[in-house]
Amino acid sequence: MVLLSFVYRFVTNFAFLAVVYFSLNFMEKYPNRAILAILVLVYTGMRAASTLRAFYFFQKIEKLEAEAKRLQAPINDGSGGTPARKQIVTDVARLRRDGELKSYMDLFFLALIVLLCVANIIRQ
């Protein structure tokens, strides 16, 4: 399922890039193409802001992971600790890492879309 989530994220980002590319290249009139490029830039900016906010969220989760590991260490030394707690911390770390990778993938495609839109606005 993890691999499928990465493939899905890649396919949806690539499809969005393809739609933007073809819609900008098939516009004949420059004003229409410029308006569409600006609208796509606004949407891309909103998605980029949301993705960057997700990085802030991932940093907070990382701090919570470190705190949970720190608090769990004395428990594990004395009474053996539960494997379920260790598994939860491991799962959260894996989900955070996967989320960060997906966010990097999103930012890469958003940067490509921004370059494509700026090139189409500049080009006459």
PDB file of N, CA and C in Angstrom:
ATOM      1  N   MET A   1       0.815  -1.195   0.000  1.00  0.00           N
ATOM      2  CA  MET A   1       0.000   0.000   0.000  1.00  0.00           C
ATOM      3  C   MET A   1       0.861   1.262   0.000  1.00  0.00           C
ATOM      4  N   VAL A   2       2.018   1.195   0.653  1.00  0.00           N
ATOM      5  CA  VAL A   2       2.895   2.359   0.693  1.00  0.00           C
ATOM      6  C   VAL A   2       3.378   2.678  -0.719  1.00  0.00           C
ATOM      7  N   LEU A   3       3.772   1.648  -1.451  1.00  0.00           N
ATOM      8  CA  LEU A   3       4.233   1.856  -2.820  1.00  0.00           C
ATOM      9  C   LEU A   3       3.106   2.413  -3.686  1.00  0.00           C
ATOM     10  N   LEU A   4       1.909   1.905  -3.512  1.00  0.00           N
ATOM     11  CA  LEU A   4       0.771   2.410  -4.281  1.00  0.00           C
ATOM     12  C   LEU A   4       0.474   3.871  -3.964  1.00  0.00           C
ATOM     13  N   SER A   5       0.673   4.278  -2.723  1.00  0.00           N
ATOM     14  CA  SER A   5       0.426   5.678  -2.380  1.00  0.00           C
ATOM     15  C   SER A   5       1.436   6.586  -3.064  1.00  0.00           C
ATOM     16  N   PHE A   6       2.697   6.143  -3.181  1.00  0.00           N
ATOM     17  CA  PHE A   6       3.701   6.926  -3.897  1.00  0.00           C
ATOM     18  C   PHE A   6       3.390   6.979  -5.394  1.00  0.00           C
ATOM     19  N   VAL A   7       2.985   5.841  -5.949  1.00  0.00           N
ATOM     20  CA  VAL A   7       2.632   5.798  -7.374  1.00  0.00           C
ATOM     21  C   VAL A   7       1.431   6.695  -7.645  1.00  0.00           C
ATOM     22  N   TYR A   8       0.432   6.644  -6.776  1.00  0.00           N
ATOM     23  CA  TYR A   8      -0.748   7.491  -6.940  1.00  0.00           C
ATOM     24  C   TYR A   8      -0.376   8.967  -6.894  1.00  0.00           C
ATOM     25  N   ARG A   9       0.463   9.354  -5.953  1.00  0.00           N
ATOM     26  CA  ARG A   9       0.878  10.750  -5.827  1.00  0.00           C
ATOM     27  C   ARG A   9       1.642  11.190  -7.077  1.00  0.00           C
ATOM     28  N   PHE A  10       2.528  10.310  -7.589  1.00  0.00           N
ATOM     29  CA  PHE A  10       3.282  10.636  -8.793  1.00  0.00           C
ATOM     30  C   PHE A  10       2.355  10.780  -9.996  1.00  0.00           C
ATOM     31  N   VAL A  11       1.428   9.847 -10.160  1.00  0.00           N
ATOM     32  CA  VAL A  11       0.525   9.874 -11.317  1.00  0.00           C
ATOM     33  C   VAL A  11      -0.371  11.106 -11.275  1.00  0.00           C
ATOM     34  N   THR A  12      -0.914  11.456 -10.112  1.00  0.00           N
ATOM     35  CA  THR A  12      -1.796  12.619 -10.042  1.00  0.00           C
ATOM     36  C   THR A  12      -1.021  13.910 -10.295  1.00  0.00           C
ATOM     37  N   ASN A  13       0.189  14.023  -9.758  1.00  0.00           N
ATOM     38  CA  ASN A  13       0.999  15.220 -10.013  1.00  0.00           C
ATOM     39  C   ASN A  13       1.399  15.304 -11.484  1.00  0.00           C
ATOM     40  N   PHE A  14       1.761  14.174 -12.066  1.00  0.00           N
ATOM     41  CA  PHE A  14       2.132  14.171 -13.480  1.00  0.00           C
ATOM     42  C   PHE A  14       0.932  14.497 -14.361  1.00  0.00           C
ATOM     43  N   ALA A  15      -0.245  13.993 -14.016  1.00  0.00           N
ATOM     44  CA  ALA A  15      -1.456  14.307 -14.778  1.00  0.00           C
ATOM     45  C   ALA A  15      -1.759  15.804 -14.707  1.00  0.00           C
ATOM     46  N   PHE A  16      -1.608  16.402 -13.538  1.00  0.00           N
ATOM     47  CA  PHE A  16      -1.822  17.840 -13.402  1.00  0.00           C
ATOM     48  C   PHE A  16      -0.820  18.613 -14.258  1.00  0.00           C
ATOM     49  N   LEU A  17       0.434  18.197 -14.243  1.00  0.00           N
ATOM     50  CA  LEU A  17       1.454  18.829 -15.070  1.00  0.00           C
ATOM     51  C   LEU A  17       1.098  18.704 -16.550  1.00  0.00           C
ATOM     52  N   ALA A  18       0.649  17.528 -16.976  1.00  0.00           N
ATOM     53  CA  ALA A  18       0.285  17.317 -18.376  1.00  0.00           C
ATOM     54  C   ALA A  18      -0.913  18.177 -18.777  1.00  0.00           C
ATOM     55  N   VAL A  19      -1.909  18.282 -17.907  1.00  0.00           N
ATOM     56  CA  VAL A  19      -3.081  19.107 -18.207  1.00  0.00           C
ATOM     57  C   VAL A  19      -2.668  20.568 -18.355  1.00  0.00           C
ATOM     58  N   VAL A  20      -1.819  21.043 -17.464  1.00  0.00           N
ATOM     59  CA  VAL A  20      -1.356  22.434 -17.554  1.00  0.00           C
ATOM     60  C   VAL A  20      -0.557  22.642 -18.840  1.00  0.00           C
ATOM     61  N   TYR A  21       0.321  21.716 -19.143  1.00  0.00           N
ATOM     62  CA  TYR A  21       1.151  21.840 -20.346  1.00  0.00           C
ATOM     63  C   TYR A  21       0.293  21.908 -21.603  1.00  0.00           C
ATOM     64  N   PHE A  22      -0.619  20.951 -21.753  1.00  0.00           N
ATOM     65  CA  PHE A  22      -1.426  20.912 -22.965  1.00  0.00           C
ATOM     66  C   PHE A  22      -2.406  22.079 -23.035  1.00  0.00           C
ATOM     67  N   SER A  23      -2.976  22.467 -21.911  1.00  0.00           N
ATOM     68  CA  SER A  23      -3.920  23.587 -21.959  1.00  0.00           C
ATOM     69  C   SER A  23      -3.215  24.898 -22.291  1.00  0.00           C
ATOM     70  N   LEU A  24      -1.996  25.088 -21.807  1.00  0.00           N
ATOM     71  CA  LEU A  24      -1.266  26.308 -22.135  1.00  0.00           C
ATOM     72  C   LEU A  24      -0.747  26.299 -23.576  1.00  0.00           C
ATOM     73  N   ASN A  25      -0.383  25.154 -24.079  1.00  0.00           N
ATOM     74  CA  ASN A  25       0.165  25.092 -25.438  1.00  0.00           C
ATOM     75  C   ASN A  25      -0.903  25.112 -26.521  1.00  0.00           C
ATOM     76  N   PHE A  26      -2.124  24.747 -26.215  1.00  0.00           N
ATOM     77  CA  PHE A  26      -3.171  24.769 -27.222  1.00  0.00           C
ATOM     78  C   PHE A  26      -3.955  26.075 -27.251  1.00  0.00           C
ATOM     79  N   MET A  27      -3.648  26.975 -26.349  1.00  0.00           N
ATOM     80  CA  MET A  27      -4.278  28.301 -26.377  1.00  0.00           C
ATOM     81  C   MET A  27      -3.637  29.108 -27.501  1.00  0.00           C
ATOM     82  N   GLU A  28      -4.446  29.644 -28.369  1.00  0.00           N
ATOM     83  CA  GLU A  28      -3.931  30.413 -29.503  1.00  0.00           C
ATOM     84  C   GLU A  28      -3.622  31.853 -29.127  1.00  0.00           C
ATOM     85  N   LYS A  29      -4.527  32.480 -28.416  1.00  0.00           N
ATOM     86  CA  LYS A  29      -4.370  33.901 -28.107  1.00  0.00           C
ATOM     87  C   LYS A  29      -3.556  34.073 -26.835  1.00  0.00           C
ATOM     88  N   TYR A  30      -2.624  35.019 -26.891  1.00  0.00           N
ATOM     89  CA  TYR A  30      -1.743  35.263 -25.751  1.00  0.00           C
ATOM     90  C   TYR A  30      -2.501  35.707 -24.499  1.00  0.00           C
ATOM     91  N   PRO A  31      -3.477  36.615 -24.572  1.00  0.00           N
ATOM     92  CA  PRO A  31      -4.164  37.027 -23.339  1.00  0.00           C
ATOM     93  C   PRO A  31      -4.857  35.865 -22.627  1.00  0.00           C
ATOM     94  N   ASN A  32      -5.459  34.974 -23.387  1.00  0.00           N
ATOM     95  CA  ASN A  32      -6.109  33.808 -22.767  1.00  0.00           C
ATOM     96  C   ASN A  32      -5.083  32.895 -22.098  1.00  0.00           C
ATOM     97  N   ARG A  33      -3.971  32.694 -22.796  1.00  0.00           N
ATOM     98  CA  ARG A  33      -2.914  31.838 -22.247  1.00  0.00           C
ATOM     99  C   ARG A  33      -2.324  32.465 -20.987  1.00  0.00           C
ATOM    100  N   ALA A  34      -2.141  33.779 -20.987  1.00  0.00           N
ATOM    101  CA  ALA A  34      -1.579  34.465 -19.823  1.00  0.00           C
ATOM    102  C   ALA A  34      -2.531  34.395 -18.632  1.00  0.00           C
ATOM    103  N   ILE A  35      -3.815  34.581 -18.886  1.00  0.00           N
ATOM    104  CA  ILE A  35      -4.803  34.498 -17.794  1.00  0.00           C
ATOM    105  C   ILE A  35      -4.829  33.094 -17.203  1.00  0.00           C
ATOM    106  N   LEU A  36      -4.818  32.078 -18.077  1.00  0.00           N
ATOM    107  CA  LEU A  36      -4.802  30.699 -17.584  1.00  0.00           C
ATOM    108  C   LEU A  36      -3.532  30.420 -16.797  1.00  0.00           C
ATOM    109  N   ALA A  37      -2.395  30.888 -17.279  1.00  0.00           N
ATOM    110  CA  ALA A  37      -1.127  30.670 -16.572  1.00  0.00           C
ATOM    111  C   ALA A  37      -1.141  31.344 -15.207  1.00  0.00           C
ATOM    112  N   ILE A  38      -1.701  32.539 -15.129  1.00  0.00           N
ATOM    113  CA  ILE A  38      -1.773  33.240 -13.835  1.00  0.00           C
ATOM    114  C   ILE A  38      -2.697  32.509 -12.875  1.00  0.00           C
ATOM    115  N   LEU A  39      -3.816  32.009 -13.374  1.00  0.00           N
ATOM    116  CA  LEU A  39      -4.722  31.238 -12.510  1.00  0.00           C
ATOM    117  C   LEU A  39      -4.065  29.956 -12.005  1.00  0.00           C
ATOM    118  N   VAL A  40      -3.322  29.297 -12.883  1.00  0.00           N
ATOM    119  CA  VAL A  40      -2.604  28.086 -12.466  1.00  0.00           C
ATOM    120  C   VAL A  40      -1.521  28.444 -11.454  1.00  0.00           C
ATOM    121  N   LEU A  41      -0.862  29.579 -11.640  1.00  0.00           N
ATOM    122  CA  LEU A  41       0.155  30.018 -10.670  1.00  0.00           C
ATOM    123  C   LEU A  41      -0.466  30.294  -9.302  1.00  0.00           C
ATOM    124  N   VAL A  42      -1.647  30.881  -9.283  1.00  0.00           N
ATOM    125  CA  VAL A  42      -2.326  31.134  -8.002  1.00  0.00           C
ATOM    126  C   VAL A  42      -2.657  29.806  -7.314  1.00  0.00           C
ATOM    127  N   TYR A  43      -3.209  28.863  -8.078  1.00  0.00           N
ATOM    128  CA  TYR A  43      -3.537  27.555  -7.511  1.00  0.00           C
ATOM    129  C   TYR A  43      -2.272  26.839  -7.028  1.00  0.00           C
ATOM    130  N   THR A  44      -1.212  26.924  -7.813  1.00  0.00           N
ATOM    131  CA  THR A  44       0.049  26.285  -7.436  1.00  0.00           C
ATOM    132  C   THR A  44       0.620  26.922  -6.176  1.00  0.00           C
ATOM    133  N   GLY A  45       0.494  28.230  -6.063  1.00  0.00           N
ATOM    134  CA  GLY A  45       0.963  28.910  -4.852  1.00  0.00           C
ATOM    135  C   GLY A  45       0.204  28.459  -3.617  1.00  0.00           C
ATOM    136  N   MET A  46      -1.099  28.276  -3.765  1.00  0.00           N
ATOM    137  CA  MET A  46      -1.892  27.805  -2.616  1.00  0.00           C
ATOM    138  C   MET A  46      -1.495  26.389  -2.228  1.00  0.00           C
ATOM    139  N   ARG A  47      -1.282  25.520  -3.225  1.00  0.00           N
ATOM    140  CA  ARG A  47      -0.854  24.153  -2.917  1.00  0.00           C
ATOM    141  C   ARG A  47       0.538  24.118  -2.307  1.00  0.00           C
ATOM    142  N   ALA A  48       1.429  24.989  -2.788  1.00  0.00           N
ATOM    143  CA  ALA A  48       2.779  25.038  -2.228  1.00  0.00           C
ATOM    144  C   ALA A  48       2.745  25.520  -0.780  1.00  0.00           C
ATOM    145  N   ALA A  49       1.896  26.505  -0.493  1.00  0.00           N
ATOM    146  CA  ALA A  49       1.774  26.976   0.894  1.00  0.00           C
ATOM    147  C   ALA A  49       1.249  25.862   1.796  1.00  0.00           C
ATOM    148  N   SER A  50       0.298  25.100   1.300  1.00  0.00           N
ATOM    149  CA  SER A  50      -0.231  23.979   2.076  1.00  0.00           C
ATOM    150  C   SER A  50       0.839  22.909   2.297  1.00  0.00           C
ATOM    151  N   THR A  51       1.633  22.650   1.284  1.00  0.00           N
ATOM    152  CA  THR A  51       2.699  21.655   1.410  1.00  0.00           C
ATOM    153  C   THR A  51       3.767  22.123   2.388  1.00  0.00           C
ATOM    154  N   LEU A  52       4.120  23.389   2.324  1.00  0.00           N
ATOM    155  CA  LEU A  52       5.113  23.912   3.268  1.00  0.00           C
ATOM    156  C   LEU A  52       4.584  23.897   4.701  1.00  0.00           C
ATOM    157  N   ARG A  53       3.281  24.120   4.863  1.00  0.00           N
ATOM    158  CA  ARG A  53       2.671  24.014   6.188  1.00  0.00           C
ATOM    159  C   ARG A  53       2.740  22.573   6.700  1.00  0.00           C
ATOM    160  N   ALA A  54       2.643  21.617   5.780  1.00  0.00           N
ATOM    161  CA  ALA A  54       2.755  20.210   6.168  1.00  0.00           C
ATOM    162  C   ALA A  54       4.145  19.915   6.719  1.00  0.00           C
ATOM    163  N   PHE A  55       5.177  20.566   6.175  1.00  0.00           N
ATOM    164  CA  PHE A  55       6.531  20.364   6.703  1.00  0.00           C
ATOM    165  C   PHE A  55       6.632  20.838   8.152  1.00  0.00           C
ATOM    166  N   TYR A  56       5.975  21.929   8.457  1.00  0.00           N
ATOM    167  CA  TYR A  56       5.944  22.412   9.841  1.00  0.00           C
ATOM    168  C   TYR A  56       5.277  21.369  10.738  1.00  0.00           C
ATOM    169  N   PHE A  57       4.198  20.791  10.246  1.00  0.00           N
ATOM    170  CA  PHE A  57       3.495  19.737  10.980  1.00  0.00           C
ATOM    171  C   PHE A  57       4.400  18.523  11.183  1.00  0.00           C
ATOM    172  N   PHE A  58       5.157  18.150  10.142  1.00  0.00           N
ATOM    173  CA  PHE A  58       6.059  17.001  10.254  1.00  0.00           C
ATOM    174  C   PHE A  58       7.176  17.265  11.264  1.00  0.00           C
ATOM    175  N   GLN A  59       7.640  18.504  11.355  1.00  0.00           N
ATOM    176  CA  GLN A  59       8.653  18.842  12.354  1.00  0.00           C
ATOM    177  C   GLN A  59       8.103  18.649  13.763  1.00  0.00           C
ATOM    178  N   LYS A  60       6.859  19.053  13.979  1.00  0.00           N
ATOM    179  CA  LYS A  60       6.247  18.874  15.299  1.00  0.00           C
ATOM    180  C   LYS A  60       6.079  17.393  15.627  1.00  0.00           C
ATOM    181  N   ILE A  61       5.723  16.598  14.640  1.00  0.00           N
ATOM    182  CA  ILE A  61       5.596  15.154  14.867  1.00  0.00           C
ATOM    183  C   ILE A  61       6.950  14.557  15.204  1.00  0.00           C
ATOM    184  N   GLU A  62       7.993  15.022  14.537  1.00  0.00           N
ATOM    185  CA  GLU A  62       9.337  14.524  14.817  1.00  0.00           C
ATOM    186  C   GLU A  62       9.747  14.838  16.256  1.00  0.00           C
ATOM    187  N   LYS A  63       9.415  16.028  16.740  1.00  0.00           N
ATOM    188  CA  LYS A  63       9.704  16.373  18.131  1.00  0.00           C
ATOM    189  C   LYS A  63       8.933  15.477  19.092  1.00  0.00           C
ATOM    190  N   LEU A  64       7.678  15.187  18.745  1.00  0.00           N
ATOM    191  CA  LEU A  64       6.892  14.284  19.591  1.00  0.00           C
ATOM    192  C   LEU A  64       7.470  12.870  19.596  1.00  0.00           C
ATOM    193  N   GLU A  65       7.982  12.421  18.458  1.00  0.00           N
ATOM    194  CA  GLU A  65       8.625  11.106  18.398  1.00  0.00           C
ATOM    195  C   GLU A  65       9.833  11.051  19.329  1.00  0.00           C
ATOM    196  N   ALA A  66      10.667  12.070  19.267  1.00  0.00           N
ATOM    197  CA  ALA A  66      11.853  12.105  20.116  1.00  0.00           C
ATOM    198  C   ALA A  66      11.466  12.125  21.585  1.00  0.00           C
ATOM    199  N   GLU A  67      10.429  12.895  21.927  1.00  0.00           N
ATOM    200  CA  GLU A  67       9.964  12.953  23.317  1.00  0.00           C
ATOM    201  C   GLU A  67       9.395  11.607  23.762  1.00  0.00           C
ATOM    202  N   ALA A  68       8.657  10.945  22.890  1.00  0.00           N
ATOM    203  CA  ALA A  68       8.100   9.635  23.233  1.00  0.00           C
ATOM    204  C   ALA A  68       9.207   8.614  23.444  1.00  0.00           C
ATOM    205  N   LYS A  69      10.233   8.664  22.609  1.00  0.00           N
ATOM    206  CA  LYS A  69      11.355   7.741  22.779  1.00  0.00           C
ATOM    207  C   LYS A  69      12.106   8.030  24.075  1.00  0.00           C
ATOM    208  N   ARG A  70      12.264   9.320  24.385  1.00  0.00           N
ATOM    209  CA  ARG A  70      12.950   9.694  25.619  1.00  0.00           C
ATOM    210  C   ARG A  70      12.170   9.228  26.838  1.00  0.00           C
ATOM    211  N   LEU A  71      10.859   9.388  26.814  1.00  0.00           N
ATOM    212  CA  LEU A  71      10.034   8.968  27.949  1.00  0.00           C
ATOM    213  C   LEU A  71       9.910   7.449  28.038  1.00  0.00           C
ATOM    214  N   GLN A  72      10.029   6.804  26.914  1.00  0.00           N
ATOM    215  CA  GLN A  72       9.864   5.357  26.889  1.00  0.00           C
ATOM    216  C   GLN A  72      11.141   4.629  27.323  1.00  0.00           C
ATOM    217  N   ALA A  73      12.291   5.262  27.211  1.00  0.00           N
ATOM    218  CA  ALA A  73      13.556   4.613  27.545  1.00  0.00           C
ATOM    219  C   ALA A  73      13.615   4.126  28.992  1.00  0.00           C
ATOM    220  N   PRO A  74      13.259   4.948  30.010  1.00  0.00           N
ATOM    221  CA  PRO A  74      13.299   4.425  31.380  1.00  0.00           C
ATOM    222  C   PRO A  74      12.287   3.307  31.616  1.00  0.00           C
ATOM    223  N   ILE A  75      11.175   3.386  30.946  1.00  0.00           N
ATOM    224  CA  ILE A  75      10.151   2.343  31.103  1.00  0.00           C
ATOM    225  C   ILE A  75      10.672   1.029  30.555  1.00  0.00           C
ATOM    226  N   ASN A  76      11.330   1.081  29.398  1.00  0.00           N
ATOM    227  CA  ASN A  76      11.860  -0.136  28.782  1.00  0.00           C
ATOM    228  C   ASN A  76      12.980  -0.744  29.615  1.00  0.00           C
ATOM    229  N   ASP A  77      13.786   0.082  30.273  1.00  0.00           N
ATOM    230  CA  ASP A  77      14.895  -0.433  31.071  1.00  0.00           C
ATOM    231  C   ASP A  77      14.403  -1.156  32.318  1.00  0.00           C
ATOM    232  N   GLY A  78      13.397  -0.590  32.980  1.00  0.00           N
ATOM    233  CA  GLY A  78      12.958  -1.142  34.250  1.00  0.00           C
ATOM    234  C   GLY A  78      11.972  -2.288  34.130  1.00  0.00           C
ATOM    235  N   SER A  79      10.874  -2.077  33.434  1.00  0.00           N
ATOM    236  CA  SER A  79       9.805  -3.075  33.442  1.00  0.00           C
ATOM    237  C   SER A  79       9.608  -3.778  32.112  1.00  0.00           C
ATOM    238  N   GLY A  80      10.438  -3.512  31.168  1.00  0.00           N
ATOM    239  CA  GLY A  80      10.321  -4.255  29.912  1.00  0.00           C
ATOM    240  C   GLY A  80       9.507  -3.555  28.848  1.00  0.00           C
ATOM    241  N   GLY A  81       8.703  -2.552  29.164  1.00  0.00           N
ATOM    242  CA  GLY A  81       7.936  -1.802  28.155  1.00  0.00           C
ATOM    243  C   GLY A  81       7.110  -2.691  27.248  1.00  0.00           C
ATOM    244  N   THR A  82       6.124  -2.156  26.656  1.00  0.00           N
ATOM    245  CA  THR A  82       5.272  -2.963  25.791  1.00  0.00           C
ATOM    246  C   THR A  82       5.733  -2.830  24.345  1.00  0.00           C
ATOM    247  N   PRO A  83       5.709  -3.916  23.614  1.00  0.00           N
ATOM    248  CA  PRO A  83       6.083  -3.852  22.202  1.00  0.00           C
ATOM    249  C   PRO A  83       5.086  -3.030  21.377  1.00  0.00           C
ATOM    250  N   ALA A  84       3.860  -2.919  21.869  1.00  0.00           N
ATOM    251  CA  ALA A  84       2.846  -2.135  21.141  1.00  0.00           C
ATOM    252  C   ALA A  84       3.233  -0.669  21.106  1.00  0.00           C
ATOM    253  N   ARG A  85       3.778  -0.164  22.203  1.00  0.00           N
ATOM    254  CA  ARG A  85       4.207   1.241  22.228  1.00  0.00           C
ATOM    255  C   ARG A  85       5.361   1.472  21.262  1.00  0.00           C
ATOM    256  N   LYS A  86       6.314   0.538  21.252  1.00  0.00           N
ATOM    257  CA  LYS A  86       7.430   0.662  20.319  1.00  0.00           C
ATOM    258  C   LYS A  86       6.931   0.632  18.879  1.00  0.00           C
ATOM    259  N   GLN A  87       5.960  -0.229  18.614  1.00  0.00           N
ATOM    260  CA  GLN A  87       5.418  -0.341  17.259  1.00  0.00           C
ATOM    261  C   GLN A  87       4.692   0.936  16.849  1.00  0.00           C
ATOM    262  N   ILE A  88       3.994   1.562  17.780  1.00  0.00           N
ATOM    263  CA  ILE A  88       3.288   2.810  17.476  1.00  0.00           C
ATOM    264  C   ILE A  88       4.276   3.906  17.119  1.00  0.00           C
ATOM    265  N   VAL A  89       5.341   4.028  17.889  1.00  0.00           N
ATOM    266  CA  VAL A  89       6.356   5.052  17.607  1.00  0.00           C
ATOM    267  C   VAL A  89       7.015   4.769  16.257  1.00  0.00           C
ATOM    268  N   THR A  90       7.287   3.509  15.963  1.00  0.00           N
ATOM    269  CA  THR A  90       7.886   3.137  14.677  1.00  0.00           C
ATOM    270  C   THR A  90       6.942   3.452  13.525  1.00  0.00           C
ATOM    271  N   ASP A  91       5.659   3.146  13.687  1.00  0.00           N
ATOM    272  CA  ASP A  91       4.677   3.426  12.635  1.00  0.00           C
ATOM    273  C   ASP A  91       4.529   4.921  12.387  1.00  0.00           C
ATOM    274  N   VAL A  92       4.509   5.701  13.451  1.00  0.00           N
ATOM    275  CA  VAL A  92       4.395   7.157  13.298  1.00  0.00           C
ATOM    276  C   VAL A  92       5.628   7.704  12.582  1.00  0.00           C
ATOM    277  N   ALA A  93       6.800   7.200  12.917  1.00  0.00           N
ATOM    278  CA  ALA A  93       8.025   7.649  12.249  1.00  0.00           C
ATOM    279  C   ALA A  93       7.994   7.304  10.766  1.00  0.00           C
ATOM    280  N   ARG A  94       7.521   6.119  10.443  1.00  0.00           N
ATOM    281  CA  ARG A  94       7.435   5.711   9.033  1.00  0.00           C
ATOM    282  C   ARG A  94       6.421   6.557   8.278  1.00  0.00           C
ATOM    283  N   LEU A  95       5.268   6.808   8.881  1.00  0.00           N
ATOM    284  CA  LEU A  95       4.253   7.633   8.227  1.00  0.00           C
ATOM    285  C   LEU A  95       4.730   9.076   8.039  1.00  0.00           C
ATOM    286  N   ARG A  96       5.454   9.592   9.011  1.00  0.00           N
ATOM    287  CA  ARG A  96       6.004  10.945   8.883  1.00  0.00           C
ATOM    288  C   ARG A  96       7.006  11.013   7.748  1.00  0.00           C
ATOM    289  N   ARG A  97       7.892  10.034   7.674  1.00  0.00           N
ATOM    290  CA  ARG A  97       8.897   9.995   6.618  1.00  0.00           C
ATOM    291  C   ARG A  97       8.236   9.876   5.243  1.00  0.00           C
ATOM    292  N   ASP A  98       7.232   9.022   5.131  1.00  0.00           N
ATOM    293  CA  ASP A  98       6.521   8.875   3.863  1.00  0.00           C
ATOM    294  C   ASP A  98       5.793  10.164   3.488  1.00  0.00           C
ATOM    295  N   GLY A  99       5.217  10.829   4.458  1.00  0.00           N
ATOM    296  CA  GLY A  99       4.542  12.097   4.203  1.00  0.00           C
ATOM    297  C   GLY A  99       5.513  13.163   3.730  1.00  0.00           C
ATOM    298  N   GLU A 100       6.697  13.182   4.322  1.00  0.00           N
ATOM    299  CA  GLU A 100       7.712  14.142   3.879  1.00  0.00           C
ATOM    300  C   GLU A 100       8.148  13.866   2.448  1.00  0.00           C
ATOM    301  N   LEU A 101       8.324  12.585   2.105  1.00  0.00           N
ATOM    302  CA  LEU A 101       8.706  12.244   0.732  1.00  0.00           C
ATOM    303  C   LEU A 101       7.622  12.655  -0.261  1.00  0.00           C
ATOM    304  N   LYS A 102       6.373  12.449   0.105  1.00  0.00           N
ATOM    305  CA  LYS A 102       5.272  12.861  -0.776  1.00  0.00           C
ATOM    306  C   LYS A 102       5.220  14.375  -0.911  1.00  0.00           C
ATOM    307  N   SER A 103       5.520  15.079   0.156  1.00  0.00           N
ATOM    308  CA  SER A 103       5.529  16.539   0.088  1.00  0.00           C
ATOM    309  C   SER A 103       6.662  17.035  -0.803  1.00  0.00           C
ATOM    310  N   TYR A 104       7.820  16.389  -0.719  1.00  0.00           N
ATOM    311  CA  TYR A 104       8.916  16.751  -1.622  1.00  0.00           C
ATOM    312  C   TYR A 104       8.532  16.490  -3.079  1.00  0.00           C
ATOM    313  N   MET A 105       7.847  15.385  -3.321  1.00  0.00           N
ATOM    314  CA  MET A 105       7.394  15.074  -4.670  1.00  0.00           C
ATOM    315  C   MET A 105       6.412  16.148  -5.165  1.00  0.00           C
ATOM    316  N   ASP A 106       5.487  16.552  -4.295  1.00  0.00           N
ATOM    317  CA  ASP A 106       4.543  17.613  -4.650  1.00  0.00           C
ATOM    318  C   ASP A 106       5.273  18.906  -4.990  1.00  0.00           C
ATOM    319  N   LEU A 107       6.229  19.291  -4.163  1.00  0.00           N
ATOM    320  CA  LEU A 107       6.975  20.527  -4.408  1.00  0.00           C
ATOM    321  C   LEU A 107       7.764  20.472  -5.707  1.00  0.00           C
ATOM    322  N   PHE A 108       8.290  19.316  -6.059  1.00  0.00           N
ATOM    323  CA  PHE A 108       9.015  19.172  -7.317  1.00  0.00           C
ATOM    324  C   PHE A 108       8.091  19.437  -8.498  1.00  0.00           C
ATOM    325  N   PHE A 109       6.930  18.797  -8.495  1.00  0.00           N
ATOM    326  CA  PHE A 109       5.996  18.993  -9.602  1.00  0.00           C
ATOM    327  C   PHE A 109       5.438  20.411  -9.613  1.00  0.00           C
ATOM    328  N   LEU A 110       5.206  20.989  -8.449  1.00  0.00           N
ATOM    329  CA  LEU A 110       4.724  22.367  -8.404  1.00  0.00           C
ATOM    330  C   LEU A 110       5.764  23.326  -8.959  1.00  0.00           C
ATOM    331  N   ALA A 111       7.033  23.062  -8.693  1.00  0.00           N
ATOM    332  CA  ALA A 111       8.094  23.899  -9.246  1.00  0.00           C
ATOM    333  C   ALA A 111       8.139  23.776 -10.768  1.00  0.00           C
ATOM    334  N   LEU A 112       7.956  22.561 -11.281  1.00  0.00           N
ATOM    335  CA  LEU A 112       7.905  22.380 -12.738  1.00  0.00           C
ATOM    336  C   LEU A 112       6.732  23.138 -13.347  1.00  0.00           C
ATOM    337  N   ILE A 113       5.602  23.124 -12.677  1.00  0.00           N
ATOM    338  CA  ILE A 113       4.418  23.824 -13.178  1.00  0.00           C
ATOM    339  C   ILE A 113       4.643  25.327 -13.150  1.00  0.00           C
ATOM    340  N   VAL A 114       5.282  25.829 -12.103  1.00  0.00           N
ATOM    341  CA  VAL A 114       5.578  27.265 -12.037  1.00  0.00           C
ATOM    342  C   VAL A 114       6.514  27.660 -13.191  1.00  0.00           C
ATOM    343  N   LEU A 115       7.540  26.869 -13.436  1.00  0.00           N
ATOM    344  CA  LEU A 115       8.450  27.164 -14.549  1.00  0.00           C
ATOM    345  C   LEU A 115       7.712  27.143 -15.887  1.00  0.00           C
ATOM    346  N   LEU A 116       6.823  26.189 -16.050  1.00  0.00           N
ATOM    347  CA  LEU A 116       6.057  26.085 -17.292  1.00  0.00           C
ATOM    348  C   LEU A 116       5.152  27.315 -17.469  1.00  0.00           C
ATOM    349  N   CYS A 117       4.493  27.736 -16.411  1.00  0.00           N
ATOM    350  CA  CYS A 117       3.600  28.890 -16.494  1.00  0.00           C
ATOM    351  C   CYS A 117       4.380  30.172 -16.757  1.00  0.00           C
ATOM    352  N   VAL A 118       5.486  30.363 -16.073  1.00  0.00           N
ATOM    353  CA  VAL A 118       6.286  31.570 -16.284  1.00  0.00           C
ATOM    354  C   VAL A 118       6.833  31.595 -17.712  1.00  0.00           C
ATOM    355  N   ALA A 119       7.261  30.446 -18.210  1.00  0.00           N
ATOM    356  CA  ALA A 119       7.768  30.381 -19.594  1.00  0.00           C
ATOM    357  C   ALA A 119       6.664  30.722 -20.581  1.00  0.00           C
ATOM    358  N   ASN A 120       5.441  30.292 -20.320  1.00  0.00           N
ATOM    359  CA  ASN A 120       4.350  30.589 -21.234  1.00  0.00           C
ATOM    360  C   ASN A 120       3.893  32.033 -21.141  1.00  0.00           C
ATOM    361  N   ILE A 121       4.050  32.642 -19.978  1.00  0.00           N
ATOM    362  CA  ILE A 121       3.701  34.061 -19.854  1.00  0.00           C
ATOM    363  C   ILE A 121       4.736  34.917 -20.589  1.00  0.00           C
ATOM    364  N   ILE A 122       6.004  34.563 -20.453  1.00  0.00           N
ATOM    365  CA  ILE A 122       7.076  35.325 -21.095  1.00  0.00           C
ATOM    366  C   ILE A 122       7.055  35.144 -22.612  1.00  0.00           C
ATOM    367  N   ARG A 123       6.790  33.908 -23.042  1.00  0.00           N
ATOM    368  CA  ARG A 123       6.786  33.598 -24.474  1.00  0.00           C
ATOM    369  C   ARG A 123       5.575  34.223 -25.160  1.00  0.00           C
ATOM    370  N   GLN A 124       5.795  34.800 -26.329  1.00  0.00           N
ATOM    371  CA  GLN A 124       4.654  35.381 -27.048  1.00  0.00           C
ATOM    372  C   GLN A 124       4.358  34.634 -28.301  1.00  0.00           C
TER     373      GLN A 124
END
